Amino acid sequence: MVCLHVCRRASVAAVVLSVAGALPLSAQLGIGARPPQDTAPTTVSPASPRAAVQEFLRQANTGDWNKAAEFLSVPAAKRERAPLLARRFKTVIDQRLALDLSTLSPLVSGDTLDGDLTGDRLAELSGPGGRSEPLRLVRLAGPPVHWVFSQATVNQIDGWYEALGSPWVRERVPRTLLGEGPFNVYWWQWIGLGIGLPVLVLLAWVLGAVLRNMLGRLAKRTVTNWDDVLLENLRGPFRLWAAALAATPLFGVLALNPRVSGFLDDSARGLTLLALFWVLLRLIRIAQNRLQHAAWDTGQGAQARTLVPLLGNFLRVALAIIALLVALAQFGYPVGTLLAGLGIGGIAVALAAQKTVEHLFGSVSLAADRAFRVGDWVRAGTTEGEVQRIGLRSTSFRTIDRTVVRVPNGRLADERIETFGERDRILLRTDIDLTYDTTPEQITAIRDALDAALRAHPKIWPDTVRVHVVAFTDSAIRLNVVSWFQTTEWNEFLRIRHDMLMQFMRIIGDKGAAFAYPSRTVYHVTQSGQPAPPIDG
């Protein structure tokens, strides 16, 4: 199970690196990809070294070894072996050179700046004795003038060919496995790659376990526990780093061609960078958790729930941008040119991302002003609810209907925000309407009793308790009651208000008064001019 888990993560890492390269696999290996072009278009003469090598490769790729051999200066003693030498030479080029045709001269005269007026040097290869031998083209006067690989180069082909790969493997594997497969990789090398991948996973698991065990012993000697938490969270990055560390020497045994081995080396370095950024992401998460716990211990938990995740998101976004730039640079993209291009196109990007940037800065202003925190009950414009999450783009509210409303931070920063979570006490205000048959003495007694009941409550704010007659309405004498209770919990206030209103009802009943209800008395006069009894309604 552990091996499968590591393998899956390694596969995901490889996919990430391939995507970061933004190139198909064949293009990354340099097989079938177009060579980089010169900054200025150059006409390639058909009698130039570049044209000669291009034609040799074209004929070799079509399997016409007789025509390919025409580009070799074969000695008379080896004339019968010319097609075989051409085939072996093509194999040597595929296996030992990462050929870049753009470096060859497109002129009939060749490269005259190196002092060699009759030849051009393509590369240098190590011979059987370990001595470097030049791979060289020479110009034949013709007619017509053309370029071929020199006799000295042709004489080295057999030695270069016999030194390909691992000679001890070539002597022991079946001849069917000595043929070239995809990407000019021998079939026995493909089998080695298939065996090497699970071996690499196992090595990564073992090396990661050994390293964590060594560091774990050191961590147990410390008095803090943060290093133990760190080691537990860095298990995956350790294994990925160990896989990258073991990949180069492990696959180096296969003696792969330069294109494939270069791609594997780049991938190993990419895995190392990925492990590094993975470590940084884990460090951000660990620091975020520790800051939140420390804030809860100091009574700042609600504020930490708001600011710490927001800061963590900013760091993750910044790290992702840096990782993307490093990945692009790793696969050969000119990051400096890319950044310069972004600077030139910054106006267009800013216009296209205007709303996104607005919401991003809105989240920054909300965090800086501490307008509200996660868990607060807030009224912002027409939206009212509990703050569930403050993101980089929007803020989520849980409404009283249990729905979730997401408001963009740019618009939220411009709204009138009423935060109920900032209250230090909650207001109780109500009007009590008494009937007009209530006597002044009863009203005074009721007023004093209500005032005493409010002041007797343990949660009352004693500085402000008001019970006064404020108006004579159409159908009632109105008493206005105003007081504050020292609580910030809405549910607790609902219980307090319920108890006080019930007590108000009992006081009014005990004083012999009654609540008024909307009514109107209508007087009308009979035909005789005498008033009729009033009709109450």
Protein backbone atom coordinates (compact mmCIF):
# COMPACT_ATOMS: atom_id res chain seq x y z
CA MET A 1 0.00 0.00 0.00
CA VAL A 2 2.84 2.41 0.83
CA CYS A 3 4.57 1.72 -2.47
CA LEU A 4 1.37 2.32 -4.38
CA HIS A 5 0.82 5.55 -2.47
CA VAL A 6 4.32 6.83 -3.27
CA CYS A 7 4.03 5.72 -6.87
CA ARG A 8 0.79 7.58 -7.28
CA ARG A 9 2.32 10.76 -5.89
CA ALA A 10 5.39 10.37 -8.08
CA SER A 11 3.13 9.93 -11.10
CA VAL A 12 1.20 13.06 -10.21
CA ALA A 13 4.49 14.91 -9.82
CA ALA A 14 5.64 13.77 -13.24
CA VAL A 15 2.38 14.92 -14.79
CA VAL A 16 2.72 18.30 -13.08
CA LEU A 17 6.23 18.71 -14.43
CA SER A 18 5.18 17.72 -17.93
CA VAL A 19 2.30 20.18 -17.84
CA ALA A 20 4.59 22.87 -16.46
CA GLY A 21 6.83 22.34 -19.45
CA ALA A 22 3.79 23.01 -21.69
CA LEU A 23 5.32 20.76 -24.35
CA PRO A 24 4.46 17.29 -25.63
CA LEU A 25 6.81 14.54 -24.48
CA SER A 26 8.47 14.19 -27.88
CA ALA A 27 9.20 17.90 -27.99
CA GLN A 28 10.71 17.84 -24.48
CA LEU A 29 12.95 14.95 -25.49
CA GLY A 30 14.03 16.87 -28.58
CA ILE A 31 12.81 14.06 -30.86
CA GLY A 32 10.78 15.22 -33.79
CA ALA A 33 10.87 18.79 -32.48
CA ARG A 34 11.90 21.62 -34.71
CA PRO A 35 15.33 23.05 -33.85
CA PRO A 36 15.35 26.57 -32.53
CA GLN A 37 15.33 29.08 -35.32
CA ASP A 38 17.69 31.97 -35.75
CA THR A 39 16.44 35.37 -34.86
CA ALA A 40 16.80 36.39 -38.51
CA PRO A 41 15.80 34.07 -41.39
CA THR A 42 18.87 32.59 -43.14
CA THR A 43 18.88 30.92 -46.56
CA VAL A 44 20.38 27.43 -46.30
CA SER A 45 22.55 26.63 -49.30
CA PRO A 46 22.05 23.06 -50.65
CA ALA A 47 25.86 22.81 -50.72
CA SER A 48 26.32 23.76 -47.04
CA PRO A 49 27.25 21.58 -44.05
CA ARG A 50 23.77 22.01 -42.59
CA ALA A 51 22.11 20.84 -45.81
CA ALA A 52 24.47 17.82 -46.00
CA VAL A 53 23.64 16.66 -42.47
CA GLN A 54 19.93 17.26 -43.03
CA GLU A 55 19.98 15.16 -46.21
CA PHE A 56 21.97 12.39 -44.52
CA LEU A 57 19.42 12.20 -41.69
CA ARG A 58 16.52 12.31 -44.14
CA GLN A 59 17.85 9.41 -46.18
CA ALA A 60 18.70 7.47 -43.01
CA ASN A 61 15.20 7.99 -41.62
CA THR A 62 13.72 6.59 -44.82
CA GLY A 63 16.04 3.55 -44.61
CA ASP A 64 17.88 4.28 -47.87
CA TRP A 65 21.35 3.49 -46.55
CA ASN A 66 23.01 3.55 -49.98
CA LYS A 67 22.07 7.20 -50.51
CA ALA A 68 22.89 8.03 -46.89
CA ALA A 69 26.36 6.51 -47.43
CA GLU A 70 27.00 9.06 -50.16
CA PHE A 71 27.54 11.62 -47.39
CA LEU A 72 30.37 9.54 -45.89
CA SER A 73 33.95 9.75 -47.17
CA VAL A 74 34.39 5.97 -47.08
CA PRO A 75 37.89 4.61 -47.78
CA ALA A 76 38.19 2.26 -50.75
CA ALA A 77 38.87 -0.71 -48.45
CA LYS A 78 35.52 -0.22 -46.70
CA ARG A 79 33.42 0.62 -49.76
CA GLU A 80 31.36 -2.58 -49.50
CA ARG A 81 30.48 -1.76 -45.89
CA ALA A 82 29.31 1.78 -46.70
CA PRO A 83 25.57 1.13 -46.11
CA LEU A 84 26.38 -0.64 -42.82
CA LEU A 85 28.61 2.24 -41.76
CA ALA A 86 25.84 4.72 -42.57
CA ARG A 87 23.36 2.76 -40.46
CA ARG A 88 25.81 2.50 -37.56
CA PHE A 89 26.69 6.16 -37.86
CA LYS A 90 22.99 7.11 -37.66
CA THR A 91 22.69 4.99 -34.51
CA VAL A 92 25.75 6.68 -33.00
CA ILE A 93 24.30 10.11 -33.70
CA ASP A 94 20.94 9.13 -32.17
CA GLN A 95 22.53 7.59 -29.08
CA ARG A 96 25.41 9.96 -28.38
CA LEU A 97 24.44 13.38 -29.69
CA ALA A 98 21.64 15.83 -28.96
CA LEU A 99 21.98 17.22 -32.45
CA ASP A 100 21.08 20.86 -33.07
CA LEU A 101 21.24 21.58 -36.80
CA SER A 102 20.88 25.32 -36.26
CA THR A 103 24.47 25.39 -35.00
CA LEU A 104 25.78 24.22 -38.39
CA SER A 105 26.75 26.72 -41.05
CA PRO A 106 24.17 27.30 -43.81
CA LEU A 107 26.87 28.68 -46.16
CA VAL A 108 28.72 26.89 -48.93
CA SER A 109 32.03 27.93 -47.39
CA GLY A 110 31.09 26.53 -43.99
CA ASP A 111 32.28 28.06 -40.73
CA THR A 112 35.45 29.99 -41.60
CA LEU A 113 35.83 31.62 -38.19
CA ASP A 114 37.32 28.52 -36.55
CA GLY A 115 40.43 28.65 -38.79
CA ASP A 116 39.56 25.39 -40.56
CA LEU A 117 38.93 26.47 -44.14
CA THR A 118 38.24 22.98 -45.48
CA GLY A 119 36.09 21.47 -42.77
CA ASP A 120 33.49 21.98 -40.04
CA ARG A 121 33.45 20.27 -36.67
CA LEU A 122 30.04 18.96 -35.62
CA ALA A 123 30.92 17.56 -32.18
CA GLU A 124 33.44 15.42 -30.28
CA LEU A 125 32.83 11.84 -29.16
CA SER A 126 34.83 9.62 -26.84
CA GLY A 127 36.40 6.65 -28.59
CA PRO A 128 37.03 3.15 -27.21
CA GLY A 129 40.25 4.30 -25.56
CA GLY A 130 38.54 7.22 -23.85
CA ARG A 131 40.15 9.80 -26.14
CA SER A 132 37.88 12.42 -27.69
CA GLU A 133 37.66 12.25 -31.47
CA PRO A 134 36.12 15.01 -33.61
CA LEU A 135 33.05 14.36 -35.70
CA ARG A 136 34.00 16.43 -38.73
CA LEU A 137 32.68 17.36 -42.17
CA VAL A 138 34.89 18.28 -45.11
CA ARG A 139 34.12 20.15 -48.34
CA LEU A 140 34.68 18.38 -51.64
CA ALA A 141 35.42 20.64 -54.59
CA GLY A 142 33.14 18.67 -56.92
CA PRO A 143 31.67 19.38 -59.26
CA PRO A 144 29.31 19.97 -57.69
CA VAL A 145 30.63 21.34 -54.39
CA HIS A 146 29.26 19.34 -51.46
CA TRP A 147 30.06 18.33 -47.88
CA VAL A 148 30.64 14.84 -46.50
CA PHE A 149 31.79 13.34 -43.20
CA SER A 150 35.59 13.02 -43.24
CA GLN A 151 37.49 9.73 -43.54
CA ALA A 152 38.85 10.16 -40.00
CA THR A 153 35.27 10.34 -38.75
CA VAL A 154 34.20 7.33 -40.83
CA ASN A 155 37.14 5.30 -39.47
CA GLN A 156 35.85 5.92 -35.92
CA ILE A 157 32.27 4.75 -36.59
CA ASP A 158 32.84 1.08 -35.70
CA GLY A 159 34.56 1.99 -32.44
CA TRP A 160 31.85 4.44 -31.46
CA TYR A 161 29.17 1.90 -32.33
CA GLU A 162 30.75 -0.90 -30.30
CA ALA A 163 31.01 1.43 -27.27
CA LEU A 164 27.31 2.29 -27.32
CA GLY A 165 25.29 1.46 -24.20
CA SER A 166 26.76 -1.17 -21.92
CA PRO A 167 28.93 -3.68 -23.81
CA TRP A 168 28.37 -6.41 -21.22
CA VAL A 169 24.60 -6.05 -21.81
CA ARG A 170 24.99 -6.20 -25.60
CA GLU A 171 26.85 -9.50 -25.24
CA ARG A 172 24.18 -11.13 -23.08
CA VAL A 173 20.73 -9.95 -24.23
CA PRO A 174 18.94 -11.42 -27.27
CA ARG A 175 19.56 -9.59 -30.52
CA THR A 176 15.87 -8.68 -30.76
CA LEU A 177 16.33 -6.45 -27.71
CA LEU A 178 19.23 -4.59 -29.33
CA GLY A 179 16.91 -2.85 -31.79
CA GLU A 180 15.80 0.74 -31.29
CA GLY A 181 12.33 1.47 -29.99
CA PRO A 182 10.52 4.80 -29.52
CA PHE A 183 12.69 7.88 -28.97
CA ASN A 184 15.79 5.94 -30.16
CA VAL A 185 15.82 3.95 -26.92
CA TYR A 186 16.86 0.30 -27.22
CA TRP A 187 14.29 -2.28 -26.30
CA TRP A 188 16.45 -3.62 -23.47
CA GLN A 189 16.65 -0.04 -22.14
CA TRP A 190 12.85 0.21 -22.21
CA ILE A 191 12.71 -3.01 -20.17
CA GLY A 192 15.27 -1.48 -17.80
CA LEU A 193 13.10 1.64 -17.45
CA GLY A 194 10.08 -0.53 -16.67
CA ILE A 195 12.03 -2.36 -13.96
CA GLY A 196 13.69 0.82 -12.71
CA LEU A 197 10.45 2.69 -11.92
CA PRO A 198 9.22 0.32 -9.16
CA VAL A 199 12.81 0.03 -7.91
CA LEU A 200 12.93 3.82 -7.74
CA VAL A 201 9.69 3.89 -5.75
CA LEU A 202 11.08 1.31 -3.33
CA LEU A 203 14.35 3.24 -2.97
CA ALA A 204 12.42 6.44 -2.35
CA TRP A 205 10.39 4.75 0.38
CA VAL A 206 13.49 3.25 2.03
CA LEU A 207 15.61 6.42 1.81
CA GLY A 208 12.71 8.55 3.05
CA ALA A 209 12.10 6.21 5.98
CA VAL A 210 15.80 6.15 6.92
CA LEU A 211 16.08 9.92 6.75
CA ARG A 212 12.89 10.46 8.79
CA ASN A 213 14.09 7.93 11.36
CA MET A 214 17.41 9.74 11.78
CA LEU A 215 15.74 13.14 12.10
CA GLY A 216 13.03 11.68 14.36
CA ARG A 217 15.64 10.60 16.90
CA LEU A 218 16.99 14.14 16.98
CA ALA A 219 13.49 15.58 17.31
CA LYS A 220 12.70 13.41 20.34
CA ARG A 221 15.57 15.03 22.24
CA THR A 222 14.03 18.49 21.95
CA VAL A 223 11.54 19.90 24.46
CA THR A 224 9.12 21.26 21.84
CA ASN A 225 6.77 19.24 19.65
CA TRP A 226 6.75 21.41 16.54
CA ASP A 227 9.65 19.45 15.02
CA ASP A 228 7.76 16.18 15.54
CA VAL A 229 4.74 17.66 13.75
CA LEU A 230 7.03 18.91 11.00
CA LEU A 231 8.53 15.46 10.41
CA GLU A 232 5.11 13.84 10.33
CA ASN A 233 3.89 16.29 7.68
CA LEU A 234 7.04 16.04 5.56
CA ARG A 235 6.75 12.33 4.88
CA GLY A 236 5.57 12.82 1.28
CA PRO A 237 8.18 15.49 0.35
CA PHE A 238 10.94 13.31 1.83
CA ARG A 239 9.98 10.41 -0.43
CA LEU A 240 9.68 12.62 -3.49
CA TRP A 241 13.08 14.18 -2.79
CA ALA A 242 14.60 10.71 -2.27
CA ALA A 243 13.12 9.57 -5.61
CA ALA A 244 14.68 12.58 -7.37
CA LEU A 245 17.99 11.90 -5.65
CA ALA A 246 18.09 8.24 -6.68
CA ALA A 247 16.72 8.71 -10.23
CA THR A 248 19.89 10.03 -11.90
CA PRO A 249 22.34 7.31 -10.77
CA LEU A 250 19.71 4.58 -11.16
CA PHE A 251 18.79 5.40 -14.76
CA GLY A 252 22.39 6.35 -15.55
CA VAL A 253 23.20 2.62 -15.50
CA LEU A 254 21.10 2.21 -18.66
CA ALA A 255 23.35 4.59 -20.67
CA LEU A 256 20.39 6.22 -22.40
CA ASN A 257 20.84 8.58 -25.31
CA PRO A 258 21.46 12.26 -24.52
CA ARG A 259 17.92 13.38 -25.35
CA VAL A 260 16.22 10.89 -23.05
CA SER A 261 18.85 11.10 -20.30
CA GLY A 262 18.67 14.91 -20.46
CA PHE A 263 14.91 14.77 -20.10
CA LEU A 264 15.21 12.41 -17.12
CA ASP A 265 17.84 14.67 -15.52
CA ASP A 266 15.56 17.69 -16.00
CA SER A 267 12.67 15.70 -14.53
CA ALA A 268 14.80 14.72 -11.52
CA ARG A 269 15.68 18.35 -10.91
CA GLY A 270 12.01 19.22 -11.39
CA LEU A 271 11.03 16.61 -8.78
CA THR A 272 13.56 18.14 -6.39
CA LEU A 273 12.03 21.58 -6.90
CA LEU A 274 8.55 20.12 -6.54
CA ALA A 275 9.58 18.50 -3.25
CA LEU A 276 10.94 21.86 -2.09
CA PHE A 277 7.70 23.69 -2.90
CA TRP A 278 5.73 20.86 -1.33
CA VAL A 279 7.75 21.37 1.86
CA LEU A 280 7.01 25.10 1.78
CA LEU A 281 3.27 24.43 1.38
CA ARG A 282 3.35 22.06 4.36
CA LEU A 283 5.26 24.66 6.39
CA ILE A 284 2.59 27.25 5.59
CA ARG A 285 -0.14 24.87 6.75
CA ILE A 286 1.73 23.96 9.95
CA ALA A 287 2.39 27.63 10.75
CA GLN A 288 -1.26 28.45 10.05
CA ASN A 289 -2.49 25.75 12.44
CA ARG A 290 -0.08 26.78 15.18
CA LEU A 291 -1.02 30.45 14.87
CA GLN A 292 -4.71 29.59 15.13
CA HIS A 293 -4.18 27.41 18.21
CA ALA A 294 -1.99 30.04 19.85
CA ALA A 295 -4.66 32.65 19.15
CA TRP A 296 -7.36 30.51 20.76
CA ASP A 297 -5.17 30.13 23.85
CA THR A 298 -4.84 33.93 24.13
CA GLY A 299 -8.51 34.63 23.48
CA GLN A 300 -8.02 35.88 19.91
CA GLY A 301 -9.53 32.82 18.21
CA ALA A 302 -12.23 34.61 16.24
CA GLN A 303 -9.75 37.09 14.81
CA ALA A 304 -7.36 34.26 13.93
CA ARG A 305 -10.11 32.44 12.06
CA THR A 306 -10.37 35.51 9.83
CA LEU A 307 -6.80 36.72 9.28
CA VAL A 308 -4.71 33.55 9.39
CA PRO A 309 -6.50 31.68 6.55
CA LEU A 310 -6.44 34.84 4.44
CA LEU A 311 -2.69 35.22 4.98
CA GLY A 312 -2.20 31.52 4.24
CA ASN A 313 -4.07 31.87 0.95
CA PHE A 314 -1.91 34.83 -0.08
CA LEU A 315 1.27 32.85 0.64
CA ARG A 316 0.00 29.83 -1.30
CA VAL A 317 -0.86 31.95 -4.34
CA ALA A 318 2.56 33.65 -4.25
CA LEU A 319 4.29 30.27 -3.89
CA ALA A 320 2.30 28.84 -6.81
CA ILE A 321 3.38 31.75 -9.04
CA ILE A 322 7.03 31.29 -8.06
CA ALA A 323 6.78 27.52 -8.64
CA LEU A 324 5.30 28.07 -12.09
CA LEU A 325 8.11 30.46 -13.06
CA VAL A 326 10.76 28.06 -11.78
CA ALA A 327 9.15 25.16 -13.68
CA LEU A 328 9.11 27.21 -16.88
CA ALA A 329 12.77 28.13 -16.40
CA GLN A 330 13.61 24.48 -15.71
CA PHE A 331 12.23 23.43 -19.08
CA GLY A 332 14.14 26.11 -20.95
CA TYR A 333 11.59 28.88 -21.29
CA PRO A 334 13.05 32.42 -21.08
CA VAL A 335 11.35 33.60 -17.91
CA GLY A 336 12.93 37.06 -18.17
CA THR A 337 11.42 37.53 -21.62
CA LEU A 338 8.09 36.24 -20.33
CA LEU A 339 8.11 38.72 -17.45
CA ALA A 340 9.04 41.54 -19.82
CA GLY A 341 6.16 40.51 -22.06
CA LEU A 342 3.82 40.57 -19.10
CA GLY A 343 5.04 44.07 -18.33
CA ILE A 344 4.27 45.20 -21.86
CA GLY A 345 0.88 43.51 -21.78
CA GLY A 346 0.21 44.59 -18.22
CA ILE A 347 -2.36 47.18 -19.26
CA ALA A 348 -4.41 44.61 -21.16
CA VAL A 349 -4.11 42.13 -18.30
CA ALA A 350 -5.11 44.79 -15.77
CA LEU A 351 -8.18 45.73 -17.81
CA ALA A 352 -9.17 42.08 -18.25
CA ALA A 353 -8.62 41.28 -14.57
CA GLN A 354 -10.01 44.53 -13.22
CA LYS A 355 -12.79 42.90 -11.22
CA THR A 356 -10.51 40.17 -9.91
CA VAL A 357 -7.95 42.72 -8.71
CA GLU A 358 -10.76 44.81 -7.21
CA HIS A 359 -12.02 41.84 -5.20
CA LEU A 360 -8.48 40.94 -4.15
CA PHE A 361 -7.79 44.40 -2.78
CA GLY A 362 -11.27 44.39 -1.25
CA SER A 363 -10.30 41.35 0.82
CA VAL A 364 -7.11 43.14 1.90
CA SER A 365 -9.04 46.25 2.99
CA LEU A 366 -11.60 44.16 4.88
CA ALA A 367 -8.82 42.33 6.72
CA ALA A 368 -6.94 45.56 7.45
CA ASP A 369 -10.05 47.33 8.79
CA ARG A 370 -11.20 44.25 10.74
CA ALA A 371 -14.73 45.03 9.65
CA PHE A 372 -15.91 41.60 10.81
CA ARG A 373 -14.62 38.17 11.71
CA VAL A 374 -15.60 34.62 10.93
CA GLY A 375 -18.58 33.76 13.14
CA ASP A 376 -19.92 37.34 13.41
CA TRP A 377 -23.52 38.14 12.53
CA VAL A 378 -23.34 40.91 9.93
CA ARG A 379 -25.72 43.05 7.92
CA ALA A 380 -24.08 44.35 4.73
CA GLY A 381 -26.40 46.13 2.35
CA THR A 382 -29.33 43.79 1.74
CA THR A 383 -27.41 40.74 3.00
CA GLU A 384 -27.64 39.59 6.60
CA GLY A 385 -26.17 36.43 8.10
CA GLU A 386 -23.28 34.76 9.88
CA VAL A 387 -19.85 35.10 8.31
CA GLN A 388 -18.76 31.59 7.27
CA ARG A 389 -15.63 32.26 5.25
CA ILE A 390 -13.54 35.19 4.04
CA GLY A 391 -11.79 34.28 0.80
CA LEU A 392 -9.53 36.13 -1.61
CA ARG A 393 -12.41 36.89 -3.97
CA SER A 394 -15.65 36.70 -1.95
CA THR A 395 -17.09 36.36 1.53
CA SER A 396 -19.69 33.70 2.37
CA PHE A 397 -22.66 34.43 4.67
CA ARG A 398 -25.01 31.87 6.23
CA THR A 399 -28.42 33.54 6.27
CA ILE A 400 -31.24 32.96 8.73
CA ASP A 401 -32.88 30.73 6.08
CA ARG A 402 -29.71 28.55 6.20
CA THR A 403 -28.74 29.49 2.67
CA VAL A 404 -25.22 30.63 1.77
CA VAL A 405 -24.78 34.01 0.08
CA ARG A 406 -21.41 34.88 -1.46
CA VAL A 407 -20.68 38.57 -1.89
CA PRO A 408 -17.60 39.76 -3.88
CA ASN A 409 -15.15 41.50 -1.59
CA GLY A 410 -14.81 44.51 -3.89
CA ARG A 411 -18.53 45.27 -3.58
CA LEU A 412 -18.58 44.33 0.10
CA ALA A 413 -15.83 46.85 0.90
CA ASP A 414 -18.09 49.66 -0.41
CA GLU A 415 -21.19 48.55 1.52
CA ARG A 416 -22.44 49.89 4.83
CA ILE A 417 -21.48 47.05 7.18
CA GLU A 418 -23.27 46.55 10.48
CA THR A 419 -21.50 44.01 12.67
CA PHE A 420 -23.61 42.64 15.47
CA GLY A 421 -20.64 40.73 16.83
CA GLU A 422 -19.05 44.00 17.97
CA ARG A 423 -21.86 44.83 20.41
CA ASP A 424 -20.92 45.12 24.07
CA ARG A 425 -24.60 44.94 25.15
CA ILE A 426 -28.02 44.48 23.55
CA LEU A 427 -30.90 46.93 23.63
CA LEU A 428 -34.39 46.12 24.94
CA ARG A 429 -36.91 48.69 23.73
CA THR A 430 -40.65 48.27 23.71
CA ASP A 431 -43.87 50.30 23.93
CA ILE A 432 -46.63 49.35 26.40
CA ASP A 433 -50.10 50.71 25.60
CA LEU A 434 -52.55 51.04 28.55
CA THR A 435 -56.25 51.79 28.33
CA TYR A 436 -57.54 55.32 29.02
CA ASP A 437 -59.41 54.19 32.12
CA THR A 438 -56.05 53.65 33.83
CA THR A 439 -55.63 56.20 36.63
CA PRO A 440 -52.52 58.34 37.09
CA GLU A 441 -51.81 56.56 40.35
CA GLN A 442 -51.89 53.19 38.60
CA ILE A 443 -49.61 54.47 35.85
CA THR A 444 -47.09 55.72 38.42
CA ALA A 445 -47.19 52.39 40.27
CA ILE A 446 -46.77 50.45 37.03
CA ARG A 447 -43.89 52.67 35.97
CA ASP A 448 -42.06 52.18 39.32
CA ALA A 449 -42.64 48.43 39.26
CA LEU A 450 -41.30 48.08 35.73
CA ASP A 451 -38.24 50.14 36.61
CA ALA A 452 -37.58 48.02 39.70
CA ALA A 453 -38.00 44.77 37.79
CA LEU A 454 -35.48 45.87 35.18
CA ARG A 455 -32.91 47.03 37.73
CA ALA A 456 -33.25 43.79 39.68
CA HIS A 457 -32.12 41.68 36.72
CA PRO A 458 -28.47 40.52 37.13
CA LYS A 459 -27.62 41.28 33.48
CA ILE A 460 -29.04 44.82 33.41
CA TRP A 461 -26.85 47.76 32.39
CA PRO A 462 -27.68 50.01 35.38
CA ASP A 463 -26.55 53.32 33.86
CA THR A 464 -29.54 53.53 31.52
CA VAL A 465 -33.01 52.30 32.52
CA ARG A 466 -35.90 54.43 31.23
CA VAL A 467 -39.65 53.87 31.74
CA HIS A 468 -41.75 56.94 30.82
CA VAL A 469 -45.12 57.95 29.43
CA VAL A 470 -44.27 59.21 25.95
CA ALA A 471 -47.58 59.71 24.15
CA PHE A 472 -51.40 59.70 24.22
CA THR A 473 -52.41 57.82 21.11
CA ASP A 474 -55.88 57.42 19.62
CA SER A 475 -56.66 54.46 21.83
CA ALA A 476 -53.99 54.18 24.53
CA ILE A 477 -51.64 55.77 27.01
CA ARG A 478 -48.16 54.73 25.82
CA LEU A 479 -45.24 53.86 28.11
CA ASN A 480 -41.82 53.55 26.49
CA VAL A 481 -39.33 51.11 28.06
CA VAL A 482 -35.60 51.36 27.18
CA SER A 483 -32.78 49.37 28.79
CA TRP A 484 -29.59 47.46 27.91
CA PHE A 485 -28.54 44.00 28.98
CA GLN A 486 -24.92 43.02 29.37
CA THR A 487 -24.75 40.13 26.93
CA THR A 488 -23.50 39.69 23.38
CA GLU A 489 -25.19 36.34 22.77
CA TRP A 490 -28.43 36.78 20.84
CA ASN A 491 -30.00 33.56 22.11
CA GLU A 492 -29.34 34.59 25.69
CA PHE A 493 -30.90 37.97 25.03
CA LEU A 494 -34.02 36.31 23.57
CA ARG A 495 -34.48 34.42 26.86
CA ILE A 496 -33.94 37.58 28.90
CA ARG A 497 -36.43 39.57 26.81
CA HIS A 498 -39.01 36.78 27.08
CA ASP A 499 -38.70 36.69 30.87
CA MET A 500 -38.94 40.48 31.19
CA LEU A 501 -42.01 40.79 28.95
CA MET A 502 -43.79 38.06 30.89
CA GLN A 503 -42.93 39.90 34.10
CA PHE A 504 -44.30 43.14 32.59
CA MET A 505 -47.62 41.39 31.92
CA ARG A 506 -47.84 40.19 35.52
CA ILE A 507 -47.05 43.67 36.89
CA ILE A 508 -49.77 45.31 34.78
CA GLY A 509 -52.28 42.66 35.83
CA ASP A 510 -51.36 43.02 39.51
CA LYS A 511 -51.87 46.81 39.34
CA GLY A 512 -55.42 46.39 38.00
CA ALA A 513 -54.65 47.85 34.56
CA ALA A 514 -55.13 46.39 31.10
CA PHE A 515 -53.44 46.55 27.72
CA ALA A 516 -55.14 48.74 25.18
CA TYR A 517 -55.97 47.64 21.71
CA PRO A 518 -56.79 49.83 18.71
CA SER A 519 -60.35 51.20 19.11
CA ARG A 520 -62.47 54.22 18.06
CA THR A 521 -65.63 55.77 19.54
CA VAL A 522 -68.20 57.15 17.04
CA TYR A 523 -70.86 59.70 18.15
CA HIS A 524 -73.91 60.37 15.98
CA VAL A 525 -76.91 62.66 16.35
CA THR A 526 -80.59 61.65 15.82
CA GLN A 527 -83.16 63.63 13.78
CA SER A 528 -84.40 65.25 16.97
CA GLY A 529 -80.98 66.67 17.60
CA GLN A 530 -80.35 64.52 20.66
CA PRO A 531 -77.07 62.58 20.76
CA ALA A 532 -77.42 58.83 20.59
CA PRO A 533 -75.39 56.50 22.82
CA PRO A 534 -71.80 56.20 21.57
CA ILE A 535 -70.76 53.14 19.63
CA ASP A 536 -67.35 51.78 20.46
CA GLY A 537 -65.47 50.01 17.72
